[in-house]
N, C-alpha and C. Protein backbone atom coordinates (compact mmCIF):
# COMPACT_ATOMS: atom_id res chain seq x y z
N MET A 1 -99.39 -52.66 183.20
CA MET A 1 -99.74 -51.37 182.64
C MET A 1 -99.66 -50.33 183.75
N SER A 2 -98.97 -49.24 183.49
CA SER A 2 -98.80 -48.21 184.52
C SER A 2 -100.08 -47.40 184.67
N ASP A 3 -100.15 -46.66 185.78
CA ASP A 3 -101.34 -45.86 186.06
C ASP A 3 -101.56 -44.79 184.99
N SER A 4 -100.46 -44.16 184.53
CA SER A 4 -100.62 -43.09 183.54
C SER A 4 -101.07 -43.64 182.19
N SER A 5 -100.58 -44.81 181.80
CA SER A 5 -101.03 -45.37 180.52
C SER A 5 -102.48 -45.82 180.61
N LYS A 6 -102.89 -46.32 181.76
CA LYS A 6 -104.29 -46.69 181.96
C LYS A 6 -105.17 -45.45 181.92
N GLU A 7 -104.70 -44.38 182.54
CA GLU A 7 -105.47 -43.13 182.52
C GLU A 7 -105.56 -42.57 181.11
N ARG A 8 -104.46 -42.65 180.34
CA ARG A 8 -104.50 -42.19 178.94
C ARG A 8 -105.51 -43.00 178.14
N GLU A 9 -105.54 -44.30 178.37
CA GLU A 9 -106.48 -45.16 177.67
C GLU A 9 -107.93 -44.81 178.03
N ILE A 10 -108.18 -44.57 179.30
CA ILE A 10 -109.52 -44.18 179.75
C ILE A 10 -109.94 -42.86 179.11
N LEU A 11 -109.04 -41.89 179.10
CA LEU A 11 -109.35 -40.59 178.50
C LEU A 11 -109.63 -40.72 177.01
N MET A 12 -108.85 -41.56 176.32
CA MET A 12 -109.04 -41.75 174.88
C MET A 12 -110.42 -42.35 174.60
N VAL A 13 -110.80 -43.35 175.39
CA VAL A 13 -112.11 -43.99 175.21
C VAL A 13 -113.23 -42.99 175.52
N MET A 14 -113.07 -42.22 176.58
CA MET A 14 -114.08 -41.22 176.94
C MET A 14 -114.25 -40.20 175.82
N ARG A 15 -113.13 -39.74 175.25
CA ARG A 15 -113.20 -38.76 174.16
C ARG A 15 -113.90 -39.36 172.94
N LYS A 16 -113.59 -40.62 172.60
CA LYS A 16 -114.21 -41.25 171.44
C LYS A 16 -115.71 -41.47 171.65
N VAL A 17 -116.09 -41.92 172.84
CA VAL A 17 -117.50 -42.14 173.13
C VAL A 17 -118.27 -40.82 173.10
N LEU A 18 -117.69 -39.78 173.70
CA LEU A 18 -118.33 -38.48 173.70
C LEU A 18 -118.48 -37.94 172.28
N ALA A 19 -117.45 -38.11 171.46
CA ALA A 19 -117.53 -37.67 170.06
C ALA A 19 -118.59 -38.45 169.29
N SER A 20 -118.72 -39.74 169.57
CA SER A 20 -119.75 -40.55 168.90
C SER A 20 -121.15 -40.09 169.30
N VAL A 21 -121.34 -39.76 170.57
CA VAL A 21 -122.64 -39.25 171.02
C VAL A 21 -122.96 -37.94 170.31
N VAL A 22 -121.98 -37.07 170.18
CA VAL A 22 -122.18 -35.80 169.50
C VAL A 22 -122.55 -36.05 168.04
N LYS A 23 -121.81 -36.95 167.36
CA LYS A 23 -122.11 -37.24 165.96
C LYS A 23 -123.50 -37.83 165.78
N ASP A 24 -123.86 -38.76 166.68
CA ASP A 24 -125.16 -39.42 166.56
C ASP A 24 -126.34 -38.50 166.86
N THR A 25 -126.14 -37.49 167.68
CA THR A 25 -127.24 -36.61 168.06
C THR A 25 -127.27 -35.31 167.27
N THR A 26 -126.29 -35.07 166.42
CA THR A 26 -126.27 -33.82 165.64
C THR A 26 -127.32 -33.89 164.55
N PRO A 27 -128.26 -32.93 164.54
CA PRO A 27 -129.32 -32.94 163.54
C PRO A 27 -128.84 -32.36 162.21
N PRO A 28 -129.61 -32.55 161.14
CA PRO A 28 -129.24 -31.95 159.86
C PRO A 28 -129.21 -30.42 159.97
N PRO A 29 -128.45 -29.76 159.10
CA PRO A 29 -128.38 -28.29 159.16
C PRO A 29 -129.78 -27.66 159.03
N GLY A 30 -129.99 -26.63 159.83
CA GLY A 30 -131.25 -25.89 159.78
C GLY A 30 -132.33 -26.41 160.72
N THR A 31 -132.08 -27.53 161.38
CA THR A 31 -133.07 -28.05 162.33
C THR A 31 -132.57 -27.83 163.76
N ARG A 32 -133.51 -27.83 164.68
CA ARG A 32 -133.18 -27.57 166.08
C ARG A 32 -132.52 -28.80 166.70
N HIS A 33 -131.50 -28.55 167.52
CA HIS A 33 -130.78 -29.64 168.18
C HIS A 33 -131.61 -30.19 169.33
N THR A 34 -131.58 -31.50 169.52
CA THR A 34 -132.35 -32.11 170.60
C THR A 34 -131.74 -31.84 171.97
N LEU A 35 -130.46 -31.55 172.01
CA LEU A 35 -129.80 -31.25 173.29
C LEU A 35 -129.97 -29.77 173.63
N THR A 36 -130.02 -29.47 174.91
CA THR A 36 -130.14 -28.07 175.33
C THR A 36 -128.79 -27.37 175.17
N GLU A 37 -128.83 -26.05 175.16
CA GLU A 37 -127.59 -25.27 175.06
C GLU A 37 -126.68 -25.56 176.25
N ARG A 38 -127.25 -25.76 177.41
CA ARG A 38 -126.45 -26.07 178.61
C ARG A 38 -125.73 -27.41 178.45
N THR A 39 -126.43 -28.41 177.90
CA THR A 39 -125.81 -29.72 177.68
C THR A 39 -124.69 -29.63 176.65
N ILE A 40 -124.92 -28.86 175.60
CA ILE A 40 -123.90 -28.68 174.56
C ILE A 40 -122.66 -28.01 175.16
N GLU A 41 -122.87 -27.00 176.01
CA GLU A 41 -121.74 -26.33 176.66
C GLU A 41 -121.02 -27.27 177.61
N ASP A 42 -121.76 -28.12 178.32
CA ASP A 42 -121.13 -29.11 179.21
C ASP A 42 -120.28 -30.11 178.42
N ILE A 43 -120.75 -30.50 177.25
CA ILE A 43 -119.98 -31.41 176.39
C ILE A 43 -118.68 -30.73 175.96
N ARG A 44 -118.76 -29.46 175.59
CA ARG A 44 -117.55 -28.71 175.22
C ARG A 44 -116.57 -28.66 176.39
N LEU A 45 -117.08 -28.43 177.59
CA LEU A 45 -116.22 -28.40 178.78
C LEU A 45 -115.57 -29.76 179.02
N CYS A 46 -116.32 -30.83 178.80
CA CYS A 46 -115.76 -32.18 178.97
C CYS A 46 -114.62 -32.42 177.99
N PHE A 47 -114.83 -32.03 176.73
CA PHE A 47 -113.76 -32.17 175.74
C PHE A 47 -112.53 -31.37 176.16
N GLY A 48 -112.75 -30.17 176.69
CA GLY A 48 -111.64 -29.34 177.14
C GLY A 48 -110.88 -29.97 178.30
N LEU A 49 -111.61 -30.52 179.26
CA LEU A 49 -110.97 -31.18 180.41
C LEU A 49 -110.19 -32.42 179.99
N ILE A 50 -110.77 -33.21 179.08
CA ILE A 50 -110.08 -34.40 178.59
C ILE A 50 -108.79 -34.01 177.87
N ALA A 51 -108.89 -32.99 177.01
CA ALA A 51 -107.70 -32.55 176.27
C ALA A 51 -106.63 -32.01 177.20
N ALA A 52 -107.04 -31.25 178.21
CA ALA A 52 -106.07 -30.69 179.15
C ALA A 52 -105.35 -31.80 179.92
N ARG A 53 -106.10 -32.80 180.37
CA ARG A 53 -105.47 -33.89 181.12
C ARG A 53 -104.56 -34.73 180.22
N GLU A 54 -104.99 -34.97 178.97
CA GLU A 54 -104.13 -35.70 178.03
C GLU A 54 -102.82 -34.94 177.79
N ARG A 55 -102.93 -33.62 177.70
CA ARG A 55 -101.74 -32.78 177.51
C ARG A 55 -100.82 -32.87 178.73
N GLU A 56 -101.39 -32.84 179.94
CA GLU A 56 -100.59 -32.97 181.16
C GLU A 56 -99.86 -34.30 181.21
N LEU A 57 -100.57 -35.37 180.87
CA LEU A 57 -99.94 -36.70 180.88
C LEU A 57 -98.83 -36.79 179.83
N ALA A 58 -99.06 -36.21 178.66
CA ALA A 58 -98.05 -36.24 177.61
C ALA A 58 -96.82 -35.43 178.02
N ASP A 59 -97.03 -34.27 178.65
CA ASP A 59 -95.91 -33.46 179.12
C ASP A 59 -95.11 -34.20 180.19
N ALA A 60 -95.81 -34.87 181.09
CA ALA A 60 -95.13 -35.61 182.16
C ALA A 60 -94.33 -36.78 181.59
N ALA A 61 -94.82 -37.36 180.50
CA ALA A 61 -94.12 -38.49 179.87
C ALA A 61 -93.02 -38.02 178.91
N GLY A 62 -92.96 -36.71 178.66
CA GLY A 62 -91.95 -36.18 177.75
C GLY A 62 -92.27 -36.43 176.30
N ALA A 63 -93.54 -36.63 175.99
CA ALA A 63 -93.95 -36.90 174.61
C ALA A 63 -93.95 -35.61 173.79
N VAL A 64 -93.70 -35.76 172.51
CA VAL A 64 -93.75 -34.63 171.58
C VAL A 64 -95.22 -34.30 171.33
N PRO A 65 -95.61 -33.03 171.43
CA PRO A 65 -97.02 -32.69 171.24
C PRO A 65 -97.49 -33.01 169.82
N GLU A 66 -98.68 -33.58 169.73
CA GLU A 66 -99.26 -33.89 168.42
C GLU A 66 -100.19 -32.75 168.03
N ARG A 67 -100.20 -32.44 166.75
CA ARG A 67 -101.06 -31.38 166.26
C ARG A 67 -102.09 -31.97 165.32
N PRO A 68 -103.34 -31.57 165.46
CA PRO A 68 -104.36 -32.07 164.54
C PRO A 68 -104.17 -31.45 163.15
N TYR A 69 -104.70 -32.11 162.15
CA TYR A 69 -104.63 -31.58 160.80
C TYR A 69 -105.89 -31.97 160.05
N PHE A 70 -106.21 -31.20 159.01
CA PHE A 70 -107.37 -31.48 158.19
C PHE A 70 -106.98 -32.44 157.08
N ALA A 71 -107.93 -33.25 156.63
CA ALA A 71 -107.65 -34.26 155.60
C ALA A 71 -107.22 -33.61 154.29
N ASP A 72 -107.75 -32.41 154.00
CA ASP A 72 -107.39 -31.75 152.74
C ASP A 72 -106.22 -30.78 152.89
N GLN A 73 -105.60 -30.75 154.05
CA GLN A 73 -104.47 -29.86 154.31
C GLN A 73 -103.22 -30.39 153.62
N GLN A 74 -102.45 -29.49 153.02
CA GLN A 74 -101.21 -29.87 152.36
C GLN A 74 -100.20 -30.31 153.41
N PRO A 75 -99.52 -31.45 153.19
CA PRO A 75 -98.51 -31.87 154.16
C PRO A 75 -97.30 -30.93 154.15
N ALA A 76 -96.61 -30.87 155.28
CA ALA A 76 -95.45 -30.00 155.40
C ALA A 76 -94.29 -30.51 154.54
N ALA A 77 -94.24 -31.80 154.30
CA ALA A 77 -93.18 -32.39 153.48
C ALA A 77 -93.82 -33.13 152.32
N SER A 78 -93.07 -33.27 151.25
CA SER A 78 -93.60 -34.03 150.12
C SER A 78 -92.60 -35.10 149.70
N VAL A 79 -93.13 -36.17 149.15
CA VAL A 79 -92.30 -37.28 148.72
C VAL A 79 -91.77 -36.96 147.32
N VAL A 80 -90.48 -37.15 147.14
CA VAL A 80 -89.85 -36.91 145.85
C VAL A 80 -89.26 -38.22 145.37
N SER A 81 -89.57 -38.55 144.12
CA SER A 81 -89.04 -39.77 143.56
C SER A 81 -87.52 -39.66 143.43
N ILE A 82 -86.85 -40.73 143.72
CA ILE A 82 -85.39 -40.71 143.63
C ILE A 82 -84.93 -40.53 142.19
N ASP A 83 -85.79 -40.89 141.23
CA ASP A 83 -85.46 -40.70 139.82
C ASP A 83 -85.39 -39.22 139.46
N LYS A 84 -86.08 -38.38 140.17
CA LYS A 84 -86.10 -36.95 139.87
C LYS A 84 -84.94 -36.20 140.51
N ILE A 85 -84.20 -36.88 141.35
CA ILE A 85 -83.05 -36.25 141.99
C ILE A 85 -81.87 -36.40 141.05
N GLY A 86 -81.27 -35.29 140.71
CA GLY A 86 -80.12 -35.33 139.80
C GLY A 86 -78.92 -34.68 140.43
N ARG A 87 -77.83 -34.79 139.74
CA ARG A 87 -76.61 -34.14 140.24
C ARG A 87 -76.65 -32.67 139.89
N ILE A 88 -75.99 -31.89 140.72
CA ILE A 88 -75.89 -30.47 140.46
C ILE A 88 -74.86 -30.28 139.35
N LYS A 89 -75.28 -29.59 138.33
CA LYS A 89 -74.38 -29.35 137.20
C LYS A 89 -73.46 -28.19 137.54
N PRO A 90 -72.19 -28.32 137.16
CA PRO A 90 -71.28 -27.19 137.42
C PRO A 90 -71.71 -25.97 136.60
N GLN A 91 -71.61 -24.79 137.22
CA GLN A 91 -72.01 -23.58 136.52
C GLN A 91 -70.95 -23.17 135.53
N ASP A 92 -71.40 -22.66 134.40
CA ASP A 92 -70.50 -22.17 133.36
C ASP A 92 -69.96 -20.81 133.81
N PRO A 93 -68.64 -20.61 133.88
CA PRO A 93 -68.09 -19.36 134.38
C PRO A 93 -68.41 -18.16 133.48
N GLU A 94 -68.83 -18.41 132.23
CA GLU A 94 -69.12 -17.31 131.32
C GLU A 94 -70.51 -16.75 131.52
N GLU A 95 -71.33 -17.39 132.35
CA GLU A 95 -72.70 -16.92 132.55
C GLU A 95 -72.76 -15.78 133.51
C-alpha cells in the first residue's frame, strides 16, 4: 500500500469517526449543546482540513473530483426503458 493511499484511508476514518462523534453528541432541536462553541468551531476546522487534504491527494492522483448530493436530489441522468425508444418517423412534407 502506498503512502498516499494509506493517508487517504486514515483521513477517511478520521472523517467518519469525527462525524459519528458529532451525530452522537448532537442534542434534540431546541436544547443546549453539550459541546462549547469553541469545540464546535474546532470540529468544523478539522472537517475543513481533512477535506482540503483529501482534495490535494485526489488532485495529485489525477482523480476526478466527486461532488456530494442529497438523497432527494433529482439525478442528472435518467434511465429510459429500451421499449420506449422508437424510430424517428419521417416527416410529412405537407406539414
